[in-house]
Amino acid sequence: MKKLLLTLLISLMSMFSHAEDNWTIDDSNWIYANGTTVNGHKFGFAKDKGRCDENLMFISWSTYSNGLEEFEGQDVKVYMEFDGKVTHTTLDLISTYKFGGMTLAMFSNVVMPEEFLNIIRNSKNLIVAFSTKNNLTKVLDIQNDTFNIEGFTKAYDKAQSQCMQ
């Protein structure tokens, strides 16, 4: 799981990212949109070679509060509002990484079905909010963010094509 976070960190620092409207496809072929409250918050999918048929969703988050690392391996309910339509899923806090005065966190381990991708394709905005009924999320100094997700289809198709090569 640390490899997953390390891959994301390398992706974040990559100067050779390719933007598709509001989405970025990084050198690892991960596709993500940045938060509007915190640009470093990311919502997206890992499109790893050899697993192109899977849509492994991830959310990358940061906090200046201490103690998040104590919750690694635990799950949290995440609410997602797509243009007013609310859905939710449960994600695992798969890893944390101290970086300067903040902690970077990776939430993942859920492969999303095609129906979920269709919701994204037909939406313009996404609000991600962590459940407030979880001790893990009480450590987060920001518990929700908004993402402009227009342009998903074009970016996703490009990432999928690159994955198949």
C-alpha atoms as a PDB file:
ATOM      1  CA  MET A   1       0.000   0.000   0.000  1.00  0.00           C
ATOM      2  CA  LYS A   2       2.919   2.340   0.614  1.00  0.00           C
ATOM      3  CA  LYS A   3       3.802   1.828  -3.042  1.00  0.00           C
ATOM      4  CA  LEU A   4       0.400   3.259  -3.983  1.00  0.00           C
ATOM      5  CA  LEU A   5       1.034   6.432  -1.972  1.00  0.00           C
ATOM      6  CA  LEU A   6       4.578   6.724  -3.264  1.00  0.00           C
ATOM      7  CA  THR A   7       3.295   6.445  -6.820  1.00  0.00           C
ATOM      8  CA  LEU A   8       0.802   9.212  -6.130  1.00  0.00           C
ATOM      9  CA  LEU A   9       3.463  11.467  -4.615  1.00  0.00           C
ATOM     10  CA  ILE A  10       5.700  10.985  -7.620  1.00  0.00           C
ATOM     11  CA  SER A  11       2.725  11.694  -9.836  1.00  0.00           C
ATOM     12  CA  LEU A  12       1.932  14.882  -7.971  1.00  0.00           C
ATOM     13  CA  MET A  13       5.447  16.170  -8.401  1.00  0.00           C
ATOM     14  CA  SER A  14       5.730  15.177 -12.020  1.00  0.00           C
ATOM     15  CA  MET A  15       6.305  18.087 -14.306  1.00  0.00           C
ATOM     16  CA  PHE A  16       5.278  16.039 -17.308  1.00  0.00           C
ATOM     17  CA  SER A  17       1.582  15.676 -16.512  1.00  0.00           C
ATOM     18  CA  HIS A  18      -0.925  15.969 -19.304  1.00  0.00           C
ATOM     19  CA  ALA A  19      -4.089  17.963 -18.597  1.00  0.00           C
ATOM     20  CA  GLU A  20      -7.369  17.028 -20.243  1.00  0.00           C
ATOM     21  CA  ASP A  21      -9.664  19.913 -19.347  1.00  0.00           C
ATOM     22  CA  ASN A  22     -10.089  19.599 -15.568  1.00  0.00           C
ATOM     23  CA  TRP A  23      -8.398  16.217 -15.381  1.00  0.00           C
ATOM     24  CA  THR A  24      -4.746  15.250 -15.238  1.00  0.00           C
ATOM     25  CA  ILE A  25      -3.245  12.039 -16.553  1.00  0.00           C
ATOM     26  CA  ASP A  26       0.100  11.603 -14.839  1.00  0.00           C
ATOM     27  CA  ASP A  27       3.140   9.590 -15.909  1.00  0.00           C
ATOM     28  CA  SER A  28       1.801   6.535 -14.053  1.00  0.00           C
ATOM     29  CA  ASN A  29      -1.427   6.797 -16.083  1.00  0.00           C
ATOM     30  CA  TRP A  30      -3.477   7.821 -13.082  1.00  0.00           C
ATOM     31  CA  ILE A  31      -6.325  10.157 -13.920  1.00  0.00           C
ATOM     32  CA  TYR A  32      -7.496  12.722 -11.373  1.00  0.00           C
ATOM     33  CA  ALA A  33      -9.184  16.056 -10.794  1.00  0.00           C
ATOM     34  CA  ASN A  34      -7.920  18.547  -8.204  1.00  0.00           C
ATOM     35  CA  GLY A  35     -10.003  19.969  -5.395  1.00  0.00           C
ATOM     36  CA  THR A  36     -11.127  23.580  -5.587  1.00  0.00           C
ATOM     37  CA  THR A  37     -10.729  24.197  -1.841  1.00  0.00           C
ATOM     38  CA  VAL A  38      -7.332  22.499  -1.659  1.00  0.00           C
ATOM     39  CA  ASN A  39      -5.622  21.974  -5.005  1.00  0.00           C
ATOM     40  CA  GLY A  40      -3.659  19.033  -3.537  1.00  0.00           C
ATOM     41  CA  HIS A  41      -6.848  17.062  -2.843  1.00  0.00           C
ATOM     42  CA  LYS A  42      -7.354  14.579  -5.649  1.00  0.00           C
ATOM     43  CA  PHE A  43     -10.240  12.423  -6.843  1.00  0.00           C
ATOM     44  CA  GLY A  44      -9.539   9.883  -9.541  1.00  0.00           C
ATOM     45  CA  PHE A  45      -8.716   6.438 -10.792  1.00  0.00           C
ATOM     46  CA  ALA A  46      -5.575   4.337 -11.102  1.00  0.00           C
ATOM     47  CA  LYS A  47      -5.365   2.886 -14.622  1.00  0.00           C
ATOM     48  CA  ASP A  48      -2.420   0.530 -14.217  1.00  0.00           C
ATOM     49  CA  LYS A  49      -1.144  -1.542 -17.125  1.00  0.00           C
ATOM     50  CA  GLY A  50      -2.288  -5.131 -16.893  1.00  0.00           C
ATOM     51  CA  ARG A  51      -5.417  -4.019 -14.996  1.00  0.00           C
ATOM     52  CA  CYS A  52      -6.981  -1.727 -17.579  1.00  0.00           C
ATOM     53  CA  ASP A  53     -10.449  -3.186 -17.070  1.00  0.00           C
ATOM     54  CA  GLU A  54     -10.466  -2.070 -13.419  1.00  0.00           C
ATOM     55  CA  ASN A  55     -11.419   1.408 -12.244  1.00  0.00           C
ATOM     56  CA  LEU A  56      -9.648   1.637  -8.900  1.00  0.00           C
ATOM     57  CA  MET A  57     -10.917   4.844  -7.331  1.00  0.00           C
ATOM     58  CA  PHE A  58      -8.707   6.868  -5.031  1.00  0.00           C
ATOM     59  CA  ILE A  59      -8.992  10.035  -3.029  1.00  0.00           C
ATOM     60  CA  SER A  60      -5.824  11.786  -1.949  1.00  0.00           C
ATOM     61  CA  TRP A  61      -6.220  14.203   0.959  1.00  0.00           C
ATOM     62  CA  SER A  62      -4.055  16.305   3.239  1.00  0.00           C
ATOM     63  CA  THR A  63      -4.324  17.616   6.775  1.00  0.00           C
ATOM     64  CA  TYR A  64      -2.253  19.770   9.084  1.00  0.00           C
ATOM     65  CA  SER A  65      -3.735  17.991  12.109  1.00  0.00           C
ATOM     66  CA  ASN A  66      -1.708  15.268  13.817  1.00  0.00           C
ATOM     67  CA  GLY A  67      -2.631  11.645  14.384  1.00  0.00           C
ATOM     68  CA  LEU A  68      -4.038  10.491  11.048  1.00  0.00           C
ATOM     69  CA  GLU A  69      -1.392   7.771  10.725  1.00  0.00           C
ATOM     70  CA  GLU A  70      -2.932   5.985  13.727  1.00  0.00           C
ATOM     71  CA  PHE A  71      -5.939   5.141  11.541  1.00  0.00           C
ATOM     72  CA  GLU A  72      -4.110   3.446   8.654  1.00  0.00           C
ATOM     73  CA  GLY A  73      -5.988   0.331   7.562  1.00  0.00           C
ATOM     74  CA  GLN A  74      -9.346   1.600   8.814  1.00  0.00           C
ATOM     75  CA  ASP A  75     -12.267   2.398   6.588  1.00  0.00           C
ATOM     76  CA  VAL A  76     -14.376   5.516   6.306  1.00  0.00           C
ATOM     77  CA  LYS A  77     -17.652   6.304   4.590  1.00  0.00           C
ATOM     78  CA  VAL A  78     -17.276   8.881   1.845  1.00  0.00           C
ATOM     79  CA  TYR A  79     -20.244  10.763   0.437  1.00  0.00           C
ATOM     80  CA  MET A  80     -20.112  11.968  -3.144  1.00  0.00           C
ATOM     81  CA  GLU A  81     -22.603  14.459  -4.514  1.00  0.00           C
ATOM     82  CA  PHE A  82     -22.707  14.630  -8.304  1.00  0.00           C
ATOM     83  CA  ASP A  83     -24.723  17.671  -9.397  1.00  0.00           C
ATOM     84  CA  GLY A  84     -27.135  17.167  -6.499  1.00  0.00           C
ATOM     85  CA  LYS A  85     -27.298  13.341  -6.628  1.00  0.00           C
ATOM     86  CA  VAL A  86     -25.725  11.781  -3.537  1.00  0.00           C
ATOM     87  CA  THR A  87     -24.057   8.394  -3.407  1.00  0.00           C
ATOM     88  CA  HIS A  88     -21.516   6.930  -1.025  1.00  0.00           C
ATOM     89  CA  THR A  89     -18.868   4.286  -0.716  1.00  0.00           C
ATOM     90  CA  THR A  90     -16.494   3.024   1.919  1.00  0.00           C
ATOM     91  CA  LEU A  91     -12.792   3.563   1.347  1.00  0.00           C
ATOM     92  CA  ASP A  92      -9.772   2.341   3.278  1.00  0.00           C
ATOM     93  CA  LEU A  93      -7.122   4.713   4.563  1.00  0.00           C
ATOM     94  CA  ILE A  94      -4.389   2.731   2.875  1.00  0.00           C
ATOM     95  CA  SER A  95      -1.442   4.951   3.715  1.00  0.00           C
ATOM     96  CA  THR A  96      -0.244   8.229   5.186  1.00  0.00           C
ATOM     97  CA  TYR A  97       2.923  10.176   4.603  1.00  0.00           C
ATOM     98  CA  LYS A  98       4.350  13.076   6.604  1.00  0.00           C
ATOM     99  CA  PHE A  99       5.410  15.861   4.269  1.00  0.00           C
ATOM    100  CA  GLY A 100       6.603  19.072   5.856  1.00  0.00           C
ATOM    101  CA  GLY A 101       4.027  20.126   8.419  1.00  0.00           C
ATOM    102  CA  MET A 102       1.202  18.141   6.868  1.00  0.00           C
ATOM    103  CA  THR A 103       0.108  14.546   6.481  1.00  0.00           C
ATOM    104  CA  LEU A 104      -0.823  13.238   3.042  1.00  0.00           C
ATOM    105  CA  ALA A 105      -3.369  10.439   3.005  1.00  0.00           C
ATOM    106  CA  MET A 106      -4.455   7.952   0.371  1.00  0.00           C
ATOM    107  CA  PHE A 107      -7.961   6.473   0.505  1.00  0.00           C
ATOM    108  CA  SER A 108      -8.711   3.659  -1.935  1.00  0.00           C
ATOM    109  CA  ASN A 109      -9.300  -0.082  -2.434  1.00  0.00           C
ATOM    110  CA  VAL A 110     -12.633   0.146  -4.243  1.00  0.00           C
ATOM    111  CA  VAL A 111     -13.049  -0.802  -7.874  1.00  0.00           C
ATOM    112  CA  MET A 112     -15.973   1.184  -9.235  1.00  0.00           C
ATOM    113  CA  PRO A 113     -18.428  -0.252 -11.776  1.00  0.00           C
ATOM    114  CA  GLU A 114     -19.257   1.235 -15.170  1.00  0.00           C
ATOM    115  CA  GLU A 115     -22.515   2.661 -13.749  1.00  0.00           C
ATOM    116  CA  PHE A 116     -20.461   4.859 -11.422  1.00  0.00           C
ATOM    117  CA  LEU A 117     -18.329   6.086 -14.319  1.00  0.00           C
ATOM    118  CA  ASN A 118     -21.527   6.992 -16.173  1.00  0.00           C
ATOM    119  CA  ILE A 119     -22.564   9.206 -13.261  1.00  0.00           C
ATOM    120  CA  ILE A 120     -19.243  11.050 -13.583  1.00  0.00           C
ATOM    121  CA  ARG A 121     -19.598  11.299 -17.372  1.00  0.00           C
ATOM    122  CA  ASN A 122     -22.965  13.010 -16.933  1.00  0.00           C
ATOM    123  CA  SER A 123     -21.918  15.405 -14.158  1.00  0.00           C
ATOM    124  CA  LYS A 124     -20.071  18.701 -13.952  1.00  0.00           C
ATOM    125  CA  ASN A 125     -19.317  19.016 -10.251  1.00  0.00           C
ATOM    126  CA  LEU A 126     -18.506  16.647  -7.443  1.00  0.00           C
ATOM    127  CA  ILE A 127     -18.517  17.307  -3.720  1.00  0.00           C
ATOM    128  CA  VAL A 128     -16.591  14.772  -1.656  1.00  0.00           C
ATOM    129  CA  ALA A 129     -17.426  14.723   2.058  1.00  0.00           C
ATOM    130  CA  PHE A 130     -16.115  12.366   4.704  1.00  0.00           C
ATOM    131  CA  SER A 131     -18.534  10.971   7.278  1.00  0.00           C
ATOM    132  CA  THR A 132     -18.372  12.971  10.488  1.00  0.00           C
ATOM    133  CA  LYS A 133     -19.363   9.891  12.522  1.00  0.00           C
ATOM    134  CA  ASN A 134     -15.874   8.432  12.302  1.00  0.00           C
ATOM    135  CA  ASN A 135     -12.953   9.191  14.633  1.00  0.00           C
ATOM    136  CA  LEU A 136     -10.608   9.057  11.649  1.00  0.00           C
ATOM    137  CA  THR A 137     -12.307  12.003   9.955  1.00  0.00           C
ATOM    138  CA  LYS A 138     -12.220  14.113  13.105  1.00  0.00           C
ATOM    139  CA  VAL A 139      -8.464  14.352  12.492  1.00  0.00           C
ATOM    140  CA  LEU A 140      -9.012  15.942   9.069  1.00  0.00           C
ATOM    141  CA  ASP A 141      -8.909  19.727   9.239  1.00  0.00           C
ATOM    142  CA  ILE A 142     -10.933  19.923   5.999  1.00  0.00           C
ATOM    143  CA  GLN A 143     -13.646  17.291   5.622  1.00  0.00           C
ATOM    144  CA  ASN A 144     -15.040  18.138   2.198  1.00  0.00           C
ATOM    145  CA  ASP A 145     -13.958  19.572  -1.112  1.00  0.00           C
ATOM    146  CA  THR A 146     -15.467  20.333  -4.508  1.00  0.00           C
ATOM    147  CA  PHE A 147     -14.102  19.052  -7.806  1.00  0.00           C
ATOM    148  CA  ASN A 148     -14.828  20.311 -11.309  1.00  0.00           C
ATOM    149  CA  ILE A 149     -15.210  17.019 -13.187  1.00  0.00           C
ATOM    150  CA  GLU A 150     -16.192  18.252 -16.637  1.00  0.00           C
ATOM    151  CA  GLY A 151     -14.168  16.620 -19.388  1.00  0.00           C
ATOM    152  CA  PHE A 152     -14.004  13.223 -17.682  1.00  0.00           C
ATOM    153  CA  THR A 153     -14.970  11.191 -20.750  1.00  0.00           C
ATOM    154  CA  LYS A 154     -12.188  12.578 -22.932  1.00  0.00           C
ATOM    155  CA  ALA A 155      -9.538  12.169 -20.234  1.00  0.00           C
ATOM    156  CA  TYR A 156     -10.751   8.711 -19.207  1.00  0.00           C
ATOM    157  CA  ASP A 157     -10.746   7.474 -22.802  1.00  0.00           C
ATOM    158  CA  LYS A 158      -7.184   8.739 -23.257  1.00  0.00           C
ATOM    159  CA  ALA A 159      -6.019   7.061 -20.018  1.00  0.00           C
ATOM    160  CA  GLN A 160      -7.758   3.840 -21.003  1.00  0.00           C
ATOM    161  CA  SER A 161      -6.103   3.916 -24.433  1.00  0.00           C
ATOM    162  CA  GLN A 162      -2.663   4.527 -22.887  1.00  0.00           C
ATOM    163  CA  CYS A 163      -3.276   1.679 -20.454  1.00  0.00           C
ATOM    164  CA  MET A 164      -3.948  -0.747 -23.306  1.00  0.00           C
ATOM    165  CA  GLN A 165      -0.687   0.094 -25.116  1.00  0.00           C
END
